């Protein structure tokens, strides 16, 4: 699965993963969303986030949200 990485303009610390490059399934309350990267099938997600869990969330909900902590290290996954 090719996974697209998005950033919310409304809440810049909020990021999302989705398999739709247009982000049509992303929550509208945090729009607009901007693509910031793509994870191809042979690459690992950033911050050691587990690809299997990301793919499961996308299959179930169409996306997975996560936040960048203020110190720049991540990792809160929603």
PDB file of N, CA and C in Angstrom:
ATOM      1  N   UNK A   1       0.852  -1.188   0.000  1.00  0.00           N
ATOM      2  CA  UNK A   1       0.000   0.000   0.000  1.00  0.00           C
ATOM      3  C   UNK A   1       0.891   1.242   0.000  1.00  0.00           C
ATOM      4  N   UNK A   2       0.589   2.178  -0.861  1.00  0.00           N
ATOM      5  CA  UNK A   2       1.255   3.475  -0.871  1.00  0.00           C
ATOM      6  C   UNK A   2       0.504   4.361   0.126  1.00  0.00           C
ATOM      7  N   UNK A   3       1.241   4.969   1.040  1.00  0.00           N
ATOM      8  CA  UNK A   3       0.647   5.779   2.099  1.00  0.00           C
ATOM      9  C   UNK A   3       1.073   7.234   1.921  1.00  0.00           C
ATOM     10  N   UNK A   4       0.100   8.126   1.919  1.00  0.00           N
ATOM     11  CA  UNK A   4       0.377   9.558   1.790  1.00  0.00           C
ATOM     12  C   UNK A   4       0.360  10.198   3.169  1.00  0.00           C
ATOM     13  N   UNK A   5       1.264  11.139   3.364  1.00  0.00           N
ATOM     14  CA  UNK A   5       1.365  11.856   4.632  1.00  0.00           C
ATOM     15  C   UNK A   5       0.797  13.258   4.419  1.00  0.00           C
ATOM     16  N   UNK A   6      -0.054  13.683   5.333  1.00  0.00           N
ATOM     17  CA  UNK A   6      -0.702  14.990   5.247  1.00  0.00           C
ATOM     18  C   UNK A   6      -0.440  15.806   6.506  1.00  0.00           C
ATOM     19  N   UNK A   7      -0.522  17.117   6.366  1.00  0.00           N
ATOM     20  CA  UNK A   7      -0.445  18.040   7.501  1.00  0.00           C
ATOM     21  C   UNK A   7      -1.679  18.924   7.462  1.00  0.00           C
ATOM     22  N   UNK A   8      -2.262  19.140   8.621  1.00  0.00           N
ATOM     23  CA  UNK A   8      -3.428  20.004   8.737  1.00  0.00           C
ATOM     24  C   UNK A   8      -2.974  21.459   8.779  1.00  0.00           C
ATOM     25  N   UNK A   9      -3.589  22.291   7.974  1.00  0.00           N
ATOM     26  CA  UNK A   9      -3.290  23.725   8.042  1.00  0.00           C
ATOM     27  C   UNK A   9      -3.954  24.350   9.267  1.00  0.00           C
ATOM     28  N   UNK A  10      -5.103  23.828   9.655  1.00  0.00           N
ATOM     29  CA  UNK A  10      -5.835  24.357  10.809  1.00  0.00           C
ATOM     30  C   UNK A  10      -5.103  24.059  12.120  1.00  0.00           C
ATOM     31  N   UNK A  11      -4.451  22.893  12.196  1.00  0.00           N
ATOM     32  CA  UNK A  11      -3.691  22.488  13.390  1.00  0.00           C
ATOM     33  C   UNK A  11      -2.377  21.887  12.919  1.00  0.00           C
ATOM     34  N   UNK A  12      -1.360  22.706  12.711  1.00  0.00           N
ATOM     35  CA  UNK A  12      -0.109  22.243  12.099  1.00  0.00           C
ATOM     36  C   UNK A  12       0.585  21.077  12.799  1.00  0.00           C
ATOM     37  N   UNK A  13       0.328  20.867  14.088  1.00  0.00           N
ATOM     38  CA  UNK A  13       0.934  19.719  14.765  1.00  0.00           C
ATOM     39  C   UNK A  13       0.230  18.412  14.406  1.00  0.00           C
ATOM     40  N   UNK A  14      -0.929  18.491  13.770  1.00  0.00           N
ATOM     41  CA  UNK A  14      -1.715  17.315  13.421  1.00  0.00           C
ATOM     42  C   UNK A  14      -1.334  16.824  12.029  1.00  0.00           C
ATOM     43  N   UNK A  15      -1.008  15.549  11.968  1.00  0.00           N
ATOM     44  CA  UNK A  15      -0.629  14.883  10.720  1.00  0.00           C
ATOM     45  C   UNK A  15      -1.613  13.741  10.469  1.00  0.00           C
ATOM     46  N   UNK A  16      -1.586  13.220   9.269  1.00  0.00           N
ATOM     47  CA  UNK A  16      -2.446  12.080   8.952  1.00  0.00           C
ATOM     48  C   UNK A  16      -1.791  11.210   7.898  1.00  0.00           C
ATOM     49  N   UNK A  17      -2.149   9.941   7.922  1.00  0.00           N
ATOM     50  CA  UNK A  17      -1.781   8.999   6.876  1.00  0.00           C
ATOM     51  C   UNK A  17      -3.070   8.607   6.162  1.00  0.00           C
ATOM     52  N   UNK A  18      -3.004   8.455   4.854  1.00  0.00           N
ATOM     53  CA  UNK A  18      -4.157   7.988   4.079  1.00  0.00           C
ATOM     54  C   UNK A  18      -3.641   7.323   2.808  1.00  0.00           C
ATOM     55  N   UNK A  19      -4.465   6.458   2.211  1.00  0.00           N
ATOM     56  CA  UNK A  19      -4.058   5.836   0.954  1.00  0.00           C
ATOM     57  C   UNK A  19      -4.607   6.579  -0.261  1.00  0.00           C
ATOM     58  N   UNK A  20      -5.367   7.623  -0.029  1.00  0.00           N
ATOM     59  CA  UNK A  20      -5.920   8.460  -1.099  1.00  0.00           C
ATOM     60  C   UNK A  20      -5.072   9.724  -1.197  1.00  0.00           C
ATOM     61  N   UNK A  21      -4.406   9.920  -2.323  1.00  0.00           N
ATOM     62  CA  UNK A  21      -3.490  11.064  -2.432  1.00  0.00           C
ATOM     63  C   UNK A  21      -4.180  12.413  -2.346  1.00  0.00           C
ATOM     64  N   UNK A  22      -5.485  12.447  -2.457  1.00  0.00           N
ATOM     65  CA  UNK A  22      -6.241  13.706  -2.346  1.00  0.00           C
ATOM     66  C   UNK A  22      -6.750  13.936  -0.927  1.00  0.00           C
ATOM     67  N   UNK A  23      -6.659  12.928  -0.058  1.00  0.00           N
ATOM     68  CA  UNK A  23      -7.079  13.076   1.326  1.00  0.00           C
ATOM     69  C   UNK A  23      -8.573  13.263   1.504  1.00  0.00           C
ATOM     70  N   UNK A  24      -9.366  12.686   0.634  1.00  0.00           N
ATOM     71  CA  UNK A  24     -10.818  12.879   0.683  1.00  0.00           C
ATOM     72  C   UNK A  24     -11.471  12.320   1.936  1.00  0.00           C
ATOM     73  N   UNK A  25     -10.832  11.366   2.608  1.00  0.00           N
ATOM     74  CA  UNK A  25     -11.414  10.775   3.817  1.00  0.00           C
ATOM     75  C   UNK A  25     -10.975  11.477   5.098  1.00  0.00           C
ATOM     76  N   UNK A  26     -10.086  12.433   4.994  1.00  0.00           N
ATOM     77  CA  UNK A  26      -9.562  13.084   6.200  1.00  0.00           C
ATOM     78  C   UNK A  26     -10.622  13.959   6.858  1.00  0.00           C
ATOM     79  N   UNK A  27     -10.557  14.097   8.183  1.00  0.00           N
ATOM     80  CA  UNK A  27     -11.562  14.887   8.913  1.00  0.00           C
ATOM     81  C   UNK A  27     -11.613  16.346   8.442  1.00  0.00           C
ATOM     82  N   UNK A  28     -12.785  16.775   8.051  1.00  0.00           N
ATOM     83  CA  UNK A  28     -12.969  18.126   7.506  1.00  0.00           C
ATOM     84  C   UNK A  28     -12.730  19.235   8.530  1.00  0.00           C
ATOM     85  N   UNK A  29     -12.937  18.926   9.817  1.00  0.00           N
ATOM     86  CA  UNK A  29     -12.769  19.975  10.831  1.00  0.00           C
ATOM     87  C   UNK A  29     -11.316  20.439  10.953  1.00  0.00           C
ATOM     88  N   UNK A  30     -10.375  19.670  10.402  1.00  0.00           N
ATOM     89  CA  UNK A  30      -8.965  20.055  10.454  1.00  0.00           C
ATOM     90  C   UNK A  30      -8.431  20.483   9.080  1.00  0.00           C
ATOM     91  N   UNK A  31      -9.302  20.617   8.112  1.00  0.00           N
ATOM     92  CA  UNK A  31      -8.930  21.021   6.752  1.00  0.00           C
ATOM     93  C   UNK A  31      -8.531  22.501   6.734  1.00  0.00           C
ATOM     94  N   UNK A  32      -7.807  22.911   5.748  1.00  0.00           N
ATOM     95  CA  UNK A  32      -7.331  22.109   4.621  1.00  0.00           C
ATOM     96  C   UNK A  32      -6.128  21.243   5.006  1.00  0.00           C
ATOM     97  N   UNK A  33      -5.999  20.140   4.266  1.00  0.00           N
ATOM     98  CA  UNK A  33      -4.903  19.202   4.440  1.00  0.00           C
ATOM     99  C   UNK A  33      -3.942  19.354   3.265  1.00  0.00           C
ATOM    100  N   UNK A  34      -2.662  19.215   3.532  1.00  0.00           N
ATOM    101  CA  UNK A  34      -1.645  19.325   2.484  1.00  0.00           C
ATOM    102  C   UNK A  34      -0.763  18.081   2.504  1.00  0.00           C
ATOM    103  N   UNK A  35      -0.523  17.510   1.338  1.00  0.00           N
ATOM    104  CA  UNK A  35       0.365  16.357   1.236  1.00  0.00           C
ATOM    105  C   UNK A  35       1.789  16.822   1.522  1.00  0.00           C
ATOM    106  N   UNK A  36       2.464  16.101   2.412  1.00  0.00           N
ATOM    107  CA  UNK A  36       3.847  16.447   2.738  1.00  0.00           C
ATOM    108  C   UNK A  36       4.817  15.329   2.376  1.00  0.00           C
ATOM    109  N   UNK A  37       4.280  14.170   1.988  1.00  0.00           N
ATOM    110  CA  UNK A  37       5.157  13.073   1.614  1.00  0.00           C
ATOM    111  C   UNK A  37       4.382  11.837   1.236  1.00  0.00           C
ATOM    112  N   UNK A  38       5.125  10.851   0.807  1.00  0.00           N
ATOM    113  CA  UNK A  38       4.533   9.562   0.438  1.00  0.00           C
ATOM    114  C   UNK A  38       5.476   8.464   0.921  1.00  0.00           C
ATOM    115  N   UNK A  39       4.881   7.381   1.391  1.00  0.00           N
ATOM    116  CA  UNK A  39       5.651   6.224   1.830  1.00  0.00           C
ATOM    117  C   UNK A  39       5.337   5.101   0.857  1.00  0.00           C
ATOM    118  N   UNK A  40       6.300   4.733   0.055  1.00  0.00           N
ATOM    119  CA  UNK A  40       6.098   3.644  -0.890  1.00  0.00           C
ATOM    120  C   UNK A  40       6.154   2.313  -0.149  1.00  0.00           C
ATOM    121  N   UNK A  41       5.783   1.272  -0.856  1.00  0.00           N
ATOM    122  CA  UNK A  41       5.688  -0.057  -0.254  1.00  0.00           C
ATOM    123  C   UNK A  41       7.001  -0.534   0.355  1.00  0.00           C
ATOM    124  N   UNK A  42       8.120  -0.053  -0.153  1.00  0.00           N
ATOM    125  CA  UNK A  42       9.428  -0.502   0.319  1.00  0.00           C
ATOM    126  C   UNK A  42      10.048   0.422   1.377  1.00  0.00           C
ATOM    127  N   UNK A  43       9.287   1.384   1.888  1.00  0.00           N
ATOM    128  CA  UNK A  43       9.795   2.342   2.877  1.00  0.00           C
ATOM    129  C   UNK A  43       9.077   2.210   4.210  1.00  0.00           C
ATOM    130  N   UNK A  44       9.739   2.674   5.264  1.00  0.00           N
ATOM    131  CA  UNK A  44       9.157   2.663   6.598  1.00  0.00           C
ATOM    132  C   UNK A  44       8.550   4.024   6.906  1.00  0.00           C
ATOM    133  N   UNK A  45       7.477   4.077   7.688  1.00  0.00           N
ATOM    134  CA  UNK A  45       6.890   5.341   8.118  1.00  0.00           C
ATOM    135  C   UNK A  45       7.861   6.116   9.017  1.00  0.00           C
ATOM    136  N   UNK A  46       7.645   7.415   9.142  1.00  0.00           N
ATOM    137  CA  UNK A  46       8.516   8.225  10.002  1.00  0.00           C
ATOM    138  C   UNK A  46       8.330   7.893  11.483  1.00  0.00           C
ATOM    139  N   UNK A  47       9.320   8.261  12.272  1.00  0.00           N
ATOM    140  CA  UNK A  47       9.276   8.141  13.736  1.00  0.00           C
ATOM    141  C   UNK A  47       9.026   6.715  14.217  1.00  0.00           C
ATOM    142  N   UNK A  48       9.382   5.743  13.393  1.00  0.00           N
ATOM    143  CA  UNK A  48       9.211   4.324  13.745  1.00  0.00           C
ATOM    144  C   UNK A  48       7.761   3.947  14.040  1.00  0.00           C
ATOM    145  N   UNK A  49       6.842   4.661  13.462  1.00  0.00           N
ATOM    146  CA  UNK A  49       5.434   4.295  13.614  1.00  0.00           C
ATOM    147  C   UNK A  49       5.204   2.979  12.874  1.00  0.00           C
ATOM    148  N   UNK A  50       4.440   2.066  13.445  1.00  0.00           N
ATOM    149  CA  UNK A  50       4.276   0.733  12.851  1.00  0.00           C
ATOM    150  C   UNK A  50       3.382   0.737  11.610  1.00  0.00           C
ATOM    151  N   UNK A  51       3.972   0.370  10.503  1.00  0.00           N
ATOM    152  CA  UNK A  51       3.258   0.349   9.225  1.00  0.00           C
ATOM    153  C   UNK A  51       2.004  -0.526   9.294  1.00  0.00           C
ATOM    154  N   UNK A  52       2.094  -1.670   9.944  1.00  0.00           N
ATOM    155  CA  UNK A  52       0.951  -2.585  10.037  1.00  0.00           C
ATOM    156  C   UNK A  52      -0.249  -1.901  10.697  1.00  0.00           C
ATOM    157  N   UNK A  53      -0.005  -1.140  11.764  1.00  0.00           N
ATOM    158  CA  UNK A  53      -1.093  -0.428  12.451  1.00  0.00           C
ATOM    159  C   UNK A  53      -1.647   0.715  11.592  1.00  0.00           C
ATOM    160  N   UNK A  54      -0.779   1.390  10.879  1.00  0.00           N
ATOM    161  CA  UNK A  54      -1.228   2.457   9.986  1.00  0.00           C
ATOM    162  C   UNK A  54      -2.133   1.878   8.906  1.00  0.00           C
ATOM    163  N   UNK A  55      -1.705   0.797   8.284  1.00  0.00           N
ATOM    164  CA  UNK A  55      -2.507   0.170   7.228  1.00  0.00           C
ATOM    165  C   UNK A  55      -3.839  -0.343   7.762  1.00  0.00           C
ATOM    166  N   UNK A  56      -3.843  -0.891   8.986  1.00  0.00           N
ATOM    167  CA  UNK A  56      -5.093  -1.372   9.584  1.00  0.00           C
ATOM    168  C   UNK A  56      -6.049  -0.199   9.842  1.00  0.00           C
ATOM    169  N   UNK A  57      -5.546   0.920  10.329  1.00  0.00           N
ATOM    170  CA  UNK A  57      -6.393   2.098  10.575  1.00  0.00           C
ATOM    171  C   UNK A  57      -6.946   2.647   9.264  1.00  0.00           C
ATOM    172  N   UNK A  58      -6.114   2.667   8.225  1.00  0.00           N
ATOM    173  CA  UNK A  58      -6.585   3.145   6.921  1.00  0.00           C
ATOM    174  C   UNK A  58      -7.669   2.220   6.380  1.00  0.00           C
ATOM    175  N   UNK A  59      -7.478   0.922   6.522  1.00  0.00           N
ATOM    176  CA  UNK A  59      -8.491  -0.031   6.053  1.00  0.00           C
ATOM    177  C   UNK A  59      -9.805   0.132   6.810  1.00  0.00           C
ATOM    178  N   UNK A  60      -9.723   0.410   8.108  1.00  0.00           N
ATOM    179  CA  UNK A  60     -10.930   0.523   8.932  1.00  0.00           C
ATOM    180  C   UNK A  60     -11.598   1.889   8.833  1.00  0.00           C
ATOM    181  N   UNK A  61     -10.813   2.965   8.767  1.00  0.00           N
ATOM    182  CA  UNK A  61     -11.363   4.322   8.870  1.00  0.00           C
ATOM    183  C   UNK A  61     -11.047   5.232   7.687  1.00  0.00           C
ATOM    184  N   UNK A  62     -10.134   4.811   6.821  1.00  0.00           N
ATOM    185  CA  UNK A  62      -9.739   5.631   5.685  1.00  0.00           C
ATOM    186  C   UNK A  62      -8.553   6.534   5.974  1.00  0.00           C
ATOM    187  N   UNK A  63      -8.099   6.590   7.218  1.00  0.00           N
ATOM    188  CA  UNK A  63      -6.960   7.423   7.595  1.00  0.00           C
ATOM    189  C   UNK A  63      -6.492   7.055   8.997  1.00  0.00           C
ATOM    190  N   UNK A  64      -5.331   7.582   9.373  1.00  0.00           N
ATOM    191  CA  UNK A  64      -4.869   7.531  10.756  1.00  0.00           C
ATOM    192  C   UNK A  64      -4.273   8.897  11.080  1.00  0.00           C
ATOM    193  N   UNK A  65      -4.677   9.469  12.204  1.00  0.00           N
ATOM    194  CA  UNK A  65      -4.148  10.753  12.658  1.00  0.00           C
ATOM    195  C   UNK A  65      -2.969  10.531  13.596  1.00  0.00           C
ATOM    196  N   UNK A  66      -2.056  11.494  13.615  1.00  0.00           N
ATOM    197  CA  UNK A  66      -0.958  11.490  14.573  1.00  0.00           C
ATOM    198  C   UNK A  66      -0.487  12.923  14.748  1.00  0.00           C
ATOM    199  N   UNK A  67       0.190  13.183  15.865  1.00  0.00           N
ATOM    200  CA  UNK A  67       0.621  14.542  16.182  1.00  0.00           C
ATOM    201  C   UNK A  67       2.119  14.614  16.371  1.00  0.00           C
ATOM    202  N   UNK A  68       2.659  15.744  15.989  1.00  0.00           N
ATOM    203  CA  UNK A  68       4.059  16.054  16.266  1.00  0.00           C
ATOM    204  C   UNK A  68       4.078  16.788  17.601  1.00  0.00           C
ATOM    205  N   UNK A  69       4.872  16.298  18.522  1.00  0.00           N
ATOM    206  CA  UNK A  69       4.995  16.991  19.800  1.00  0.00           C
ATOM    207  C   UNK A  69       5.756  18.290  19.581  1.00  0.00           C
ATOM    208  N   UNK A  70       5.540  19.228  20.445  1.00  0.00           N
ATOM    209  CA  UNK A  70       6.161  20.542  20.298  1.00  0.00           C
ATOM    210  C   UNK A  70       7.682  20.503  20.239  1.00  0.00           C
ATOM    211  N   UNK A  71       8.307  19.526  20.862  1.00  0.00           N
ATOM    212  CA  UNK A  71       9.759  19.440  20.807  1.00  0.00           C
ATOM    213  C   UNK A  71      10.250  18.799  19.512  1.00  0.00           C
ATOM    214  N   UNK A  72       9.301  18.446  18.615  1.00  0.00           N
ATOM    215  CA  UNK A  72       9.641  17.936  17.308  1.00  0.00           C
ATOM    216  C   UNK A  72       9.834  16.436  17.233  1.00  0.00           C
ATOM    217  N   UNK A  73       9.659  15.735  18.286  1.00  0.00           N
ATOM    218  CA  UNK A  73       9.851  14.278  18.264  1.00  0.00           C
ATOM    219  C   UNK A  73       8.623  13.457  18.021  1.00  0.00           C
ATOM    220  N   UNK A  74       7.729  13.407  17.823  1.00  0.00           N
ATOM    221  CA  UNK A  74       6.452  12.818  17.629  1.00  0.00           C
ATOM    222  C   UNK A  74       5.909  12.113  18.817  1.00  0.00           C
ATOM    223  N   UNK A  75       4.999  11.582  18.466  1.00  0.00           N
ATOM    224  CA  UNK A  75       4.468  10.293  18.314  1.00  0.00           C
ATOM    225  C   UNK A  75       3.125  10.007  18.863  1.00  0.00           C
ATOM    226  N   UNK A  76       2.326  10.816  19.073  1.00  0.00           N
ATOM    227  CA  UNK A  76       0.980  10.482  19.511  1.00  0.00           C
ATOM    228  C   UNK A  76       0.179  10.060  18.310  1.00  0.00           C
ATOM    229  N   UNK A  77      -0.298   8.866  18.341  1.00  0.00           N
ATOM    230  CA  UNK A  77      -1.106   8.338  17.260  1.00  0.00           C
ATOM    231  C   UNK A  77      -2.552   8.308  17.725  1.00  0.00           C
ATOM    232  N   UNK A  78      -3.454   8.778  16.930  1.00  0.00           N
ATOM    233  CA  UNK A  78      -4.883   8.785  17.294  1.00  0.00           C
ATOM    234  C   UNK A  78      -5.624   7.748  16.492  1.00  0.00           C
TER     235      UNK A  78
END
